[in-house]
Amino acid sequence: MNGLRRRLLLATGVAALVGAHALRARAAPATHTVTIDAFEFKPPTLTVKQGDVVLWRNADPVPHTATAPGTFDSGPIAAGAAWRYTAAKKGRFDYVCTLHTTMKGVLVVE
């Protein structure tokens, strides 16, 4: 095998390995849970990666919302129910329960 052909084969093999590694490095989206309990979002601030799923689970006996105006709005989440949101856009999103406006949380998407 001549030198040029050998270098091309090596370069192609390295590129294929790098590409395969990049595909493996992208982790599957994670799911994070915010529990609504005692009229609080727990945790009050959650940091996730773009593409991750956030699940708000209502452990209170009354409905709540998770609403970041212009970004997401769960609508009423019934007692014992849950709502999921896929974090599509990077940024900091302050959210509130529109039914109980003292309830506030922050979602940070990296």
PDB file of N, CA and C in Angstrom:
ATOM      1  N   MET A   1       0.857  -1.160   0.000  1.00  0.00           N
ATOM      2  CA  MET A   1       0.000   0.000   0.000  1.00  0.00           C
ATOM      3  C   MET A   1       0.905   1.226   0.000  1.00  0.00           C
ATOM      4  N   ASN A   2       0.638   2.171  -0.908  1.00  0.00           N
ATOM      5  CA  ASN A   2       1.502   3.338  -0.966  1.00  0.00           C
ATOM      6  C   ASN A   2       1.199   4.285   0.204  1.00  0.00           C
ATOM      7  N   GLY A   3       2.098   5.236   0.463  1.00  0.00           N
ATOM      8  CA  GLY A   3       1.992   6.132   1.616  1.00  0.00           C
ATOM      9  C   GLY A   3       0.748   6.996   1.607  1.00  0.00           C
ATOM     10  N   LEU A   4       0.395   7.534   0.436  1.00  0.00           N
ATOM     11  CA  LEU A   4      -0.769   8.415   0.341  1.00  0.00           C
ATOM     12  C   LEU A   4      -2.055   7.647   0.641  1.00  0.00           C
ATOM     13  N   ARG A   5      -2.175   6.475   0.036  1.00  0.00           N
ATOM     14  CA  ARG A   5      -3.379   5.671   0.259  1.00  0.00           C
ATOM     15  C   ARG A   5      -3.493   5.279   1.727  1.00  0.00           C
ATOM     16  N   ARG A   6      -2.391   4.924   2.343  1.00  0.00           N
ATOM     17  CA  ARG A   6      -2.388   4.531   3.761  1.00  0.00           C
ATOM     18  C   ARG A   6      -2.829   5.710   4.634  1.00  0.00           C
ATOM     19  N   ARG A   7      -2.321   6.917   4.348  1.00  0.00           N
ATOM     20  CA  ARG A   7      -2.697   8.096   5.128  1.00  0.00           C
ATOM     21  C   ARG A   7      -4.186   8.402   4.973  1.00  0.00           C
ATOM     22  N   LEU A   8      -4.711   8.241   3.747  1.00  0.00           N
ATOM     23  CA  LEU A   8      -6.133   8.477   3.523  1.00  0.00           C
ATOM     24  C   LEU A   8      -6.993   7.481   4.302  1.00  0.00           C
ATOM     25  N   LEU A   9      -6.600   6.223   4.275  1.00  0.00           N
ATOM     26  CA  LEU A   9      -7.354   5.216   5.027  1.00  0.00           C
ATOM     27  C   LEU A   9      -7.308   5.505   6.527  1.00  0.00           C
ATOM     28  N   LEU A  10      -6.154   5.890   7.035  1.00  0.00           N
ATOM     29  CA  LEU A  10      -6.029   6.216   8.454  1.00  0.00           C
ATOM     30  C   LEU A  10      -6.887   7.433   8.798  1.00  0.00           C
ATOM     31  N   ALA A  11      -6.836   8.457   7.964  1.00  0.00           N
ATOM     32  CA  ALA A  11      -7.624   9.669   8.222  1.00  0.00           C
ATOM     33  C   ALA A  11      -9.117   9.356   8.201  1.00  0.00           C
ATOM     34  N   THR A  12      -9.557   8.541   7.252  1.00  0.00           N
ATOM     35  CA  THR A  12     -10.961   8.163   7.164  1.00  0.00           C
ATOM     36  C   THR A  12     -11.378   7.370   8.398  1.00  0.00           C
ATOM     37  N   GLY A  13     -10.530   6.459   8.831  1.00  0.00           N
ATOM     38  CA  GLY A  13     -10.823   5.662  10.023  1.00  0.00           C
ATOM     39  C   GLY A  13     -10.910   6.522  11.269  1.00  0.00           C
ATOM     40  N   VAL A  14     -10.015   7.481  11.397  1.00  0.00           N
ATOM     41  CA  VAL A  14     -10.043   8.382  12.552  1.00  0.00           C
ATOM     42  C   VAL A  14     -11.316   9.217  12.528  1.00  0.00           C
ATOM     43  N   ALA A  15     -11.696   9.743  11.361  1.00  0.00           N
ATOM     44  CA  ALA A  15     -12.913  10.545  11.253  1.00  0.00           C
ATOM     45  C   ALA A  15     -14.137   9.714  11.629  1.00  0.00           C
ATOM     46  N   ALA A  16     -14.169   8.465  11.198  1.00  0.00           N
ATOM     47  CA  ALA A  16     -15.292   7.590  11.536  1.00  0.00           C
ATOM     48  C   ALA A  16     -15.352   7.339  13.037  1.00  0.00           C
ATOM     49  N   LEU A  17     -14.207   7.133  13.664  1.00  0.00           N
ATOM     50  CA  LEU A  17     -14.173   6.918  15.107  1.00  0.00           C
ATOM     51  C   LEU A  17     -14.619   8.168  15.855  1.00  0.00           C
ATOM     52  N   VAL A  18     -14.155   9.322  15.433  1.00  0.00           N
ATOM     53  CA  VAL A  18     -14.552  10.574  16.076  1.00  0.00           C
ATOM     54  C   VAL A  18     -16.055  10.777  15.933  1.00  0.00           C
ATOM     55  N   GLY A  19     -16.600  10.526  14.760  1.00  0.00           N
ATOM     56  CA  GLY A  19     -18.038  10.660  14.541  1.00  0.00           C
ATOM     57  C   GLY A  19     -18.838   9.700  15.407  1.00  0.00           C
ATOM     58  N   ALA A  20     -18.400   8.474  15.525  1.00  0.00           N
ATOM     59  CA  ALA A  20     -19.086   7.490  16.358  1.00  0.00           C
ATOM     60  C   ALA A  20     -19.032   7.902  17.825  1.00  0.00           C
ATOM     61  N   HIS A  21     -17.892   8.427  18.250  1.00  0.00           N
ATOM     62  CA  HIS A  21     -17.758   8.874  19.632  1.00  0.00           C
ATOM     63  C   HIS A  21     -18.707  10.044  19.910  1.00  0.00           C
ATOM     64  N   ALA A  22     -18.833  10.956  18.965  1.00  0.00           N
ATOM     65  CA  ALA A  22     -19.719  12.109  19.140  1.00  0.00           C
ATOM     66  C   ALA A  22     -21.167  11.643  19.292  1.00  0.00           C
ATOM     67  N   LEU A  23     -21.574  10.637  18.548  1.00  0.00           N
ATOM     68  CA  LEU A  23     -22.929  10.114  18.667  1.00  0.00           C
ATOM     69  C   LEU A  23     -23.151   9.490  20.030  1.00  0.00           C
ATOM     70  N   ARG A  24     -22.163   8.742  20.540  1.00  0.00           N
ATOM     71  CA  ARG A  24     -22.286   8.130  21.856  1.00  0.00           C
ATOM     72  C   ARG A  24     -22.272   9.191  22.949  1.00  0.00           C
ATOM     73  N   ALA A  25     -21.563  10.295  22.735  1.00  0.00           N
ATOM     74  CA  ALA A  25     -21.424  11.323  23.754  1.00  0.00           C
ATOM     75  C   ALA A  25     -22.744  12.059  23.995  1.00  0.00           C
ATOM     76  N   ARG A  26     -23.607  12.108  23.001  1.00  0.00           N
ATOM     77  CA  ARG A  26     -24.912  12.730  23.190  1.00  0.00           C
ATOM     78  C   ARG A  26     -25.786  11.803  24.009  1.00  0.00           C
ATOM     79  N   ALA A  27     -25.998  12.159  25.252  1.00  0.00           N
ATOM     80  CA  ALA A  27     -26.809  11.317  26.129  1.00  0.00           C
ATOM     81  C   ALA A  27     -28.286  11.463  25.772  1.00  0.00           C
ATOM     82  N   ALA A  28     -29.025  10.436  26.080  1.00  0.00           N
ATOM     83  CA  ALA A  28     -30.469  10.509  25.905  1.00  0.00           C
ATOM     84  C   ALA A  28     -31.009  11.583  26.843  1.00  0.00           C
ATOM     85  N   PRO A  29     -32.090  12.239  26.462  1.00  0.00           N
ATOM     86  CA  PRO A  29     -32.657  13.261  27.336  1.00  0.00           C
ATOM     87  C   PRO A  29     -33.000  12.685  28.708  1.00  0.00           C
ATOM     88  N   ALA A  30     -32.708  13.444  29.733  1.00  0.00           N
ATOM     89  CA  ALA A  30     -33.021  13.034  31.107  1.00  0.00           C
ATOM     90  C   ALA A  30     -34.411  13.554  31.470  1.00  0.00           C
ATOM     91  N   THR A  31     -35.028  12.916  32.453  1.00  0.00           N
ATOM     92  CA  THR A  31     -36.290  13.390  32.994  1.00  0.00           C
ATOM     93  C   THR A  31     -36.050  13.862  34.421  1.00  0.00           C
ATOM     94  N   HIS A  32     -36.497  15.082  34.712  1.00  0.00           N
ATOM     95  CA  HIS A  32     -36.341  15.691  36.033  1.00  0.00           C
ATOM     96  C   HIS A  32     -37.734  15.931  36.604  1.00  0.00           C
ATOM     97  N   THR A  33     -37.882  15.794  37.910  1.00  0.00           N
ATOM     98  CA  THR A  33     -39.182  15.973  38.535  1.00  0.00           C
ATOM     99  C   THR A  33     -39.183  17.159  39.480  1.00  0.00           C
ATOM    100  N   VAL A  34     -40.187  17.992  39.340  1.00  0.00           N
ATOM    101  CA  VAL A  34     -40.485  19.053  40.298  1.00  0.00           C
ATOM    102  C   VAL A  34     -41.752  18.596  41.021  1.00  0.00           C
ATOM    103  N   THR A  35     -41.659  18.466  42.331  1.00  0.00           N
ATOM    104  CA  THR A  35     -42.824  18.070  43.112  1.00  0.00           C
ATOM    105  C   THR A  35     -43.518  19.317  43.630  1.00  0.00           C
ATOM    106  N   ILE A  36     -44.814  19.370  43.452  1.00  0.00           N
ATOM    107  CA  ILE A  36     -45.617  20.461  44.004  1.00  0.00           C
ATOM    108  C   ILE A  36     -46.197  19.923  45.302  1.00  0.00           C
ATOM    109  N   ASP A  37     -45.715  20.488  46.402  1.00  0.00           N
ATOM    110  CA  ASP A  37     -46.087  19.966  47.717  1.00  0.00           C
ATOM    111  C   ASP A  37     -46.110  21.109  48.724  1.00  0.00           C
ATOM    112  N   ALA A  38     -47.168  21.174  49.534  1.00  0.00           N
ATOM    113  CA  ALA A  38     -47.311  22.215  50.560  1.00  0.00           C
ATOM    114  C   ALA A  38     -47.255  23.609  49.923  1.00  0.00           C
ATOM    115  N   PHE A  39     -47.843  23.731  48.742  1.00  0.00           N
ATOM    116  CA  PHE A  39     -47.906  24.997  48.006  1.00  0.00           C
ATOM    117  C   PHE A  39     -46.516  25.546  47.698  1.00  0.00           C
ATOM    118  N   GLU A  40     -45.590  24.638  47.353  1.00  0.00           N
ATOM    119  CA  GLU A  40     -44.235  25.007  46.935  1.00  0.00           C
ATOM    120  C   GLU A  40     -43.802  24.116  45.786  1.00  0.00           C
ATOM    121  N   PHE A  41     -42.940  24.683  44.918  1.00  0.00           N
ATOM    122  CA  PHE A  41     -42.274  23.898  43.885  1.00  0.00           C
ATOM    123  C   PHE A  41     -40.970  23.390  44.495  1.00  0.00           C
ATOM    124  N   LYS A  42     -40.769  22.075  44.452  1.00  0.00           N
ATOM    125  CA  LYS A  42     -39.566  21.481  45.059  1.00  0.00           C
ATOM    126  C   LYS A  42     -38.845  20.632  44.025  1.00  0.00           C
ATOM    127  N   PRO A  43     -37.640  21.001  43.616  1.00  0.00           N
ATOM    128  CA  PRO A  43     -36.844  22.130  44.082  1.00  0.00           C
ATOM    129  C   PRO A  43     -37.365  23.441  43.486  1.00  0.00           C
ATOM    130  N   PRO A  44     -37.100  24.570  44.174  1.00  0.00           N
ATOM    131  CA  PRO A  44     -37.574  25.855  43.657  1.00  0.00           C
ATOM    132  C   PRO A  44     -36.829  26.303  42.400  1.00  0.00           C
ATOM    133  N   THR A  45     -35.592  25.866  42.240  1.00  0.00           N
ATOM    134  CA  THR A  45     -34.806  26.145  41.034  1.00  0.00           C
ATOM    135  C   THR A  45     -34.270  24.831  40.505  1.00  0.00           C
ATOM    136  N   LEU A  46     -34.453  24.603  39.220  1.00  0.00           N
ATOM    137  CA  LEU A  46     -34.000  23.368  38.583  1.00  0.00           C
ATOM    138  C   LEU A  46     -33.214  23.727  37.329  1.00  0.00           C
ATOM    139  N   THR A  47     -32.027  23.138  37.193  1.00  0.00           N
ATOM    140  CA  THR A  47     -31.203  23.330  35.999  1.00  0.00           C
ATOM    141  C   THR A  47     -31.178  22.037  35.202  1.00  0.00           C
ATOM    142  N   VAL A  48     -31.500  22.139  33.910  1.00  0.00           N
ATOM    143  CA  VAL A  48     -31.558  20.982  33.020  1.00  0.00           C
ATOM    144  C   VAL A  48     -30.822  21.297  31.731  1.00  0.00           C
ATOM    145  N   LYS A  49     -30.638  20.301  30.916  1.00  0.00           N
ATOM    146  CA  LYS A  49     -30.036  20.485  29.601  1.00  0.00           C
ATOM    147  C   LYS A  49     -31.149  20.628  28.562  1.00  0.00           C
ATOM    148  N   GLN A  50     -30.833  21.350  27.494  1.00  0.00           N
ATOM    149  CA  GLN A  50     -31.781  21.504  26.399  1.00  0.00           C
ATOM    150  C   GLN A  50     -32.169  20.113  25.894  1.00  0.00           C
ATOM    151  N   GLY A  51     -33.455  19.872  25.729  1.00  0.00           N
ATOM    152  CA  GLY A  51     -33.952  18.573  25.283  1.00  0.00           C
ATOM    153  C   GLY A  51     -34.411  17.681  26.418  1.00  0.00           C
ATOM    154  N   ASP A  52     -34.013  18.011  27.670  1.00  0.00           N
ATOM    155  CA  ASP A  52     -34.469  17.228  28.815  1.00  0.00           C
ATOM    156  C   ASP A  52     -35.958  17.448  29.044  1.00  0.00           C
ATOM    157  N   VAL A  53     -36.558  16.527  29.782  1.00  0.00           N
ATOM    158  CA  VAL A  53     -37.979  16.598  30.114  1.00  0.00           C
ATOM    159  C   VAL A  53     -38.111  16.968  31.587  1.00  0.00           C
ATOM    160  N   VAL A  54     -39.019  17.901  31.865  1.00  0.00           N
ATOM    161  CA  VAL A  54     -39.321  18.270  33.240  1.00  0.00           C
ATOM    162  C   VAL A  54     -40.749  17.826  33.524  1.00  0.00           C
ATOM    163  N   LEU A  55     -40.918  17.113  34.624  1.00  0.00           N
ATOM    164  CA  LEU A  55     -42.218  16.596  35.022  1.00  0.00           C
ATOM    165  C   LEU A  55     -42.623  17.296  36.315  1.00  0.00           C
ATOM    166  N   TRP A  56     -43.737  18.009  36.285  1.00  0.00           N
ATOM    167  CA  TRP A  56     -44.284  18.618  37.497  1.00  0.00           C
ATOM    168  C   TRP A  56     -45.339  17.655  38.030  1.00  0.00           C
ATOM    169  N   ARG A  57     -45.128  17.168  39.260  1.00  0.00           N
ATOM    170  CA  ARG A  57     -46.047  16.214  39.885  1.00  0.00           C
ATOM    171  C   ARG A  57     -46.742  16.911  41.055  1.00  0.00           C
ATOM    172  N   ASN A  58     -48.060  16.969  41.015  1.00  0.00           N
ATOM    173  CA  ASN A  58     -48.830  17.671  42.037  1.00  0.00           C
ATOM    174  C   ASN A  58     -49.193  16.739  43.191  1.00  0.00           C
ATOM    175  N   ALA A  59     -48.529  16.942  44.339  1.00  0.00           N
ATOM    176  CA  ALA A  59     -48.804  16.140  45.535  1.00  0.00           C
ATOM    177  C   ALA A  59     -49.766  16.857  46.480  1.00  0.00           C
ATOM    178  N   ASP A  60     -50.227  18.043  46.113  1.00  0.00           N
ATOM    179  CA  ASP A  60     -51.176  18.786  46.935  1.00  0.00           C
ATOM    180  C   ASP A  60     -52.605  18.329  46.649  1.00  0.00           C
ATOM    181  N   PRO A  61     -53.538  18.646  47.562  1.00  0.00           N
ATOM    182  CA  PRO A  61     -54.934  18.236  47.352  1.00  0.00           C
ATOM    183  C   PRO A  61     -55.732  19.183  46.455  1.00  0.00           C
ATOM    184  N   VAL A  62     -55.077  20.202  45.914  1.00  0.00           N
ATOM    185  CA  VAL A  62     -55.759  21.182  45.048  1.00  0.00           C
ATOM    186  C   VAL A  62     -54.977  21.325  43.745  1.00  0.00           C
ATOM    187  N   PRO A  63     -55.617  21.825  42.678  1.00  0.00           N
ATOM    188  CA  PRO A  63     -54.908  22.030  41.411  1.00  0.00           C
ATOM    189  C   PRO A  63     -53.877  23.160  41.508  1.00  0.00           C
ATOM    190  N   HIS A  64     -52.863  23.069  40.645  1.00  0.00           N
ATOM    191  CA  HIS A  64     -51.830  24.096  40.509  1.00  0.00           C
ATOM    192  C   HIS A  64     -51.473  24.211  39.030  1.00  0.00           C
ATOM    193  N   THR A  65     -50.743  25.283  38.674  1.00  0.00           N
ATOM    194  CA  THR A  65     -50.186  25.394  37.333  1.00  0.00           C
ATOM    195  C   THR A  65     -48.690  25.617  37.447  1.00  0.00           C
ATOM    196  N   ALA A  66     -47.999  25.401  36.344  1.00  0.00           N
ATOM    197  CA  ALA A  66     -46.592  25.791  36.172  1.00  0.00           C
ATOM    198  C   ALA A  66     -46.596  26.631  34.907  1.00  0.00           C
ATOM    199  N   THR A  67     -46.466  27.950  35.077  1.00  0.00           N
ATOM    200  CA  THR A  67     -46.654  28.864  33.958  1.00  0.00           C
ATOM    201  C   THR A  67     -45.513  29.861  33.863  1.00  0.00           C
ATOM    202  N   ALA A  68     -44.789  29.816  32.754  1.00  0.00           N
ATOM    203  CA  ALA A  68     -43.764  30.803  32.410  1.00  0.00           C
ATOM    204  C   ALA A  68     -44.302  31.523  31.184  1.00  0.00           C
ATOM    205  N   PRO A  69     -44.874  32.711  31.365  1.00  0.00           N
ATOM    206  CA  PRO A  69     -45.534  33.391  30.243  1.00  0.00           C
ATOM    207  C   PRO A  69     -44.665  33.439  28.987  1.00  0.00           C
ATOM    208  N   GLY A  70     -45.270  33.023  27.880  1.00  0.00           N
ATOM    209  CA  GLY A  70     -44.579  33.022  26.598  1.00  0.00           C
ATOM    210  C   GLY A  70     -43.690  31.812  26.357  1.00  0.00           C
ATOM    211  N   THR A  71     -43.531  30.965  27.372  1.00  0.00           N
ATOM    212  CA  THR A  71     -42.659  29.797  27.209  1.00  0.00           C
ATOM    213  C   THR A  71     -43.401  28.490  27.440  1.00  0.00           C
ATOM    214  N   PHE A  72     -44.026  28.342  28.606  1.00  0.00           N
ATOM    215  CA  PHE A  72     -44.819  27.138  28.856  1.00  0.00           C
ATOM    216  C   PHE A  72     -45.959  27.453  29.811  1.00  0.00           C
ATOM    217  N   ASP A  73     -47.011  26.655  29.699  1.00  0.00           N
ATOM    218  CA  ASP A  73     -48.178  26.801  30.569  1.00  0.00           C
ATOM    219  C   ASP A  73     -48.843  25.440  30.684  1.00  0.00           C
ATOM    220  N   SER A  74     -48.794  24.890  31.862  1.00  0.00           N
ATOM    221  CA  SER A  74     -49.349  23.562  32.084  1.00  0.00           C
ATOM    222  C   SER A  74     -50.868  23.535  32.072  1.00  0.00           C
ATOM    223  N   GLY A  75     -51.497  24.697  32.322  1.00  0.00           N
ATOM    224  CA  GLY A  75     -52.923  24.658  32.625  1.00  0.00           C
ATOM    225  C   GLY A  75     -53.051  24.006  33.995  1.00  0.00           C
ATOM    226  N   PRO A  76     -54.259  23.863  34.509  1.00  0.00           N
ATOM    227  CA  PRO A  76     -54.404  23.261  35.835  1.00  0.00           C
ATOM    228  C   PRO A  76     -53.911  21.811  35.878  1.00  0.00           C
ATOM    229  N   ILE A  77     -53.058  21.535  36.841  1.00  0.00           N
ATOM    230  CA  ILE A  77     -52.591  20.166  37.102  1.00  0.00           C
ATOM    231  C   ILE A  77     -53.396  19.681  38.305  1.00  0.00           C
ATOM    232  N   ALA A  78     -54.255  18.717  38.100  1.00  0.00           N
ATOM    233  CA  ALA A  78     -55.128  18.229  39.164  1.00  0.00           C
ATOM    234  C   ALA A  78     -54.327  17.586  40.295  1.00  0.00           C
ATOM    235  N   ALA A  79     -54.946  17.525  41.459  1.00  0.00           N
ATOM    236  CA  ALA A  79     -54.337  16.835  42.598  1.00  0.00           C
ATOM    237  C   ALA A  79     -53.992  15.402  42.189  1.00  0.00           C
ATOM    238  N   GLY A  80     -52.755  14.986  42.454  1.00  0.00           N
ATOM    239  CA  GLY A  80     -52.315  13.637  42.129  1.00  0.00           C
ATOM    240  C   GLY A  80     -51.889  13.447  40.684  1.00  0.00           C
ATOM    241  N   ALA A  81     -52.022  14.477  39.863  1.00  0.00           N
ATOM    242  CA  ALA A  81     -51.666  14.368  38.441  1.00  0.00           C
ATOM    243  C   ALA A  81     -50.290  14.977  38.186  1.00  0.00           C
ATOM    244  N   ALA A  82     -49.849  14.888  36.930  1.00  0.00           N
ATOM    245  CA  ALA A  82     -48.546  15.425  36.542  1.00  0.00           C
ATOM    246  C   ALA A  82     -48.655  16.028  35.147  1.00  0.00           C
ATOM    247  N   TRP A  83     -47.678  16.877  34.835  1.00  0.00           N
ATOM    248  CA  TRP A  83     -47.584  17.500  33.518  1.00  0.00           C
ATOM    249  C   TRP A  83     -46.127  17.519  33.108  1.00  0.00           C
ATOM    250  N   ARG A  84     -45.841  17.248  31.846  1.00  0.00           N
ATOM    251  CA  ARG A  84     -44.455  17.209  31.366  1.00  0.00           C
ATOM    252  C   ARG A  84     -44.212  18.252  30.305  1.00  0.00           C
ATOM    253  N   TYR A  85     -42.965  18.743  30.310  1.00  0.00           N
ATOM    254  CA  TYR A  85     -42.533  19.769  29.368  1.00  0.00           C
ATOM    255  C   TYR A  85     -41.140  19.414  28.881  1.00  0.00           C
ATOM    256  N   THR A  86     -40.909  19.479  27.581  1.00  0.00           N
ATOM    257  CA  THR A  86     -39.579  19.268  27.020  1.00  0.00           C
ATOM    258  C   THR A  86     -38.905  20.625  26.885  1.00  0.00           C
ATOM    259  N   ALA A  87     -37.755  20.768  27.528  1.00  0.00           N
ATOM    260  CA  ALA A  87     -37.019  22.038  27.553  1.00  0.00           C
ATOM    261  C   ALA A  87     -36.378  22.278  26.186  1.00  0.00           C
ATOM    262  N   ALA A  88     -37.068  23.014  25.340  1.00  0.00           N
ATOM    263  CA  ALA A  88     -36.625  23.191  23.958  1.00  0.00           C
ATOM    264  C   ALA A  88     -35.688  24.370  23.774  1.00  0.00           C
ATOM    265  N   LYS A  89     -35.813  25.382  24.608  1.00  0.00           N
ATOM    266  CA  LYS A  89     -35.099  26.637  24.406  1.00  0.00           C
ATOM    267  C   LYS A  89     -34.212  26.926  25.618  1.00  0.00           C
ATOM    268  N   LYS A  90     -32.958  27.338  25.357  1.00  0.00           N
ATOM    269  CA  LYS A  90     -32.036  27.678  26.443  1.00  0.00           C
ATOM    270  C   LYS A  90     -32.430  29.001  27.082  1.00  0.00           C
ATOM    271  N   GLY A  91     -32.160  29.101  28.375  1.00  0.00           N
ATOM    272  CA  GLY A  91     -32.419  30.348  29.076  1.00  0.00           C
ATOM    273  C   GLY A  91     -32.874  30.110  30.499  1.00  0.00           C
ATOM    274  N   ARG A  92     -33.220  31.199  31.153  1.00  0.00           N
ATOM    275  CA  ARG A  92     -33.769  31.161  32.511  1.00  0.00           C
ATOM    276  C   ARG A  92     -35.243  31.501  32.405  1.00  0.00           C
ATOM    277  N   PHE A  93     -36.075  30.638  32.983  1.00  0.00           N
ATOM    278  CA  PHE A  93     -37.514  30.815  32.881  1.00  0.00           C
ATOM    279  C   PHE A  93     -38.123  30.841  34.283  1.00  0.00           C
ATOM    280  N   ASP A  94     -38.536  32.020  34.707  1.00  0.00           N
ATOM    281  CA  ASP A  94     -39.233  32.169  35.976  1.00  0.00           C
ATOM    282  C   ASP A  94     -40.675  31.745  35.740  1.00  0.00           C
ATOM    283  N   TYR A  95     -41.177  30.894  36.628  1.00  0.00           N
ATOM    284  CA  TYR A  95     -42.552  30.450  36.459  1.00  0.00           C
ATOM    285  C   TYR A  95     -43.319  30.587  37.772  1.00  0.00           C
ATOM    286  N   VAL A  96     -44.633  30.501  37.658  1.00  0.00           N
ATOM    287  CA  VAL A  96     -45.517  30.730  38.789  1.00  0.00           C
ATOM    288  C   VAL A  96     -46.722  29.801  38.665  1.00  0.00           C
ATOM    289  N   CYS A  97     -47.364  29.567  39.793  1.00  0.00           N
ATOM    290  CA  CYS A  97     -48.684  28.934  39.761  1.00  0.00           C
ATOM    291  C   CYS A  97     -49.684  30.075  39.623  1.00  0.00           C
ATOM    292  N   THR A  98     -50.413  30.107  38.525  1.00  0.00           N
ATOM    293  CA  THR A  98     -51.350  31.211  38.300  1.00  0.00           C
ATOM    294  C   THR A  98     -52.553  31.157  39.243  1.00  0.00           C
ATOM    295  N   LEU A  99     -52.759  30.030  39.890  1.00  0.00           N
ATOM    296  CA  LEU A  99     -53.860  29.898  40.851  1.00  0.00           C
ATOM    297  C   LEU A  99     -53.442  30.316  42.255  1.00  0.00           C
ATOM    298  N   HIS A 100     -52.141  30.294  42.518  1.00  0.00           N
ATOM    299  CA  HIS A 100     -51.580  30.642  43.837  1.00  0.00           C
ATOM    300  C   HIS A 100     -50.271  31.394  43.561  1.00  0.00           C
ATOM    301  N   THR A 101     -50.372  32.685  43.323  1.00  0.00           N
ATOM    302  CA  THR A 101     -49.256  33.465  42.774  1.00  0.00           C
ATOM    303  C   THR A 101     -48.067  33.636  43.720  1.00  0.00           C
ATOM    304  N   THR A 102     -48.178  33.187  44.962  1.00  0.00           N
ATOM    305  CA  THR A 102     -47.002  33.205  45.849  1.00  0.00           C
ATOM    306  C   THR A 102     -46.082  32.022  45.551  1.00  0.00           C
ATOM    307  N   MET A 103     -46.577  31.061  44.789  1.00  0.00           N
ATOM    308  CA  MET A 103     -45.775  29.893  44.408  1.00  0.00           C
ATOM    309  C   MET A 103     -44.945  30.254  43.177  1.00  0.00           C
ATOM    310  N   LYS A 104     -43.621  30.267  43.348  1.00  0.00           N
ATOM    311  CA  LYS A 104     -42.740  30.643  42.249  1.00  0.00           C
ATOM    312  C   LYS A 104     -41.607  29.643  42.119  1.00  0.00           C
ATOM    313  N   GLY A 105     -41.145  29.468  40.879  1.00  0.00           N
ATOM    314  CA  GLY A 105     -40.021  28.581  40.602  1.00  0.00           C
ATOM    315  C   GLY A 105     -39.193  29.116  39.461  1.00  0.00           C
ATOM    316  N   VAL A 106     -38.029  28.497  39.252  1.00  0.00           N
ATOM    317  CA  VAL A 106     -37.135  28.884  38.170  1.00  0.00           C
ATOM    318  C   VAL A 106     -36.678  27.617  37.464  1.00  0.00           C
ATOM    319  N   LEU A 107     -36.786  27.630  36.143  1.00  0.00           N
ATOM    320  CA  LEU A 107     -36.233  26.563  35.306  1.00  0.00           C
ATOM    321  C   LEU A 107     -35.100  27.175  34.494  1.00  0.00           C
ATOM    322  N   VAL A 108     -33.891  26.609  34.645  1.00  0.00           N
ATOM    323  CA  VAL A 108     -32.730  27.050  33.875  1.00  0.00           C
ATOM    324  C   VAL A 108     -32.407  25.953  32.875  1.00  0.00           C
ATOM    325  N   VAL A 109     -32.367  26.316  31.597  1.00  0.00           N
ATOM    326  CA  VAL A 109     -32.088  25.355  30.530  1.00  0.00           C
ATOM    327  C   VAL A 109     -30.736  25.715  29.913  1.00  0.00           C
ATOM    328  N   GLU A 110     -29.788  24.798  30.013  1.00  0.00           N
ATOM    329  CA  GLU A 110     -28.425  25.021  29.471  1.00  0.00           C
ATOM    330  C   GLU A 110     -28.264  24.373  28.119  1.00  0.00           C
TER     331      GLU A 110
END
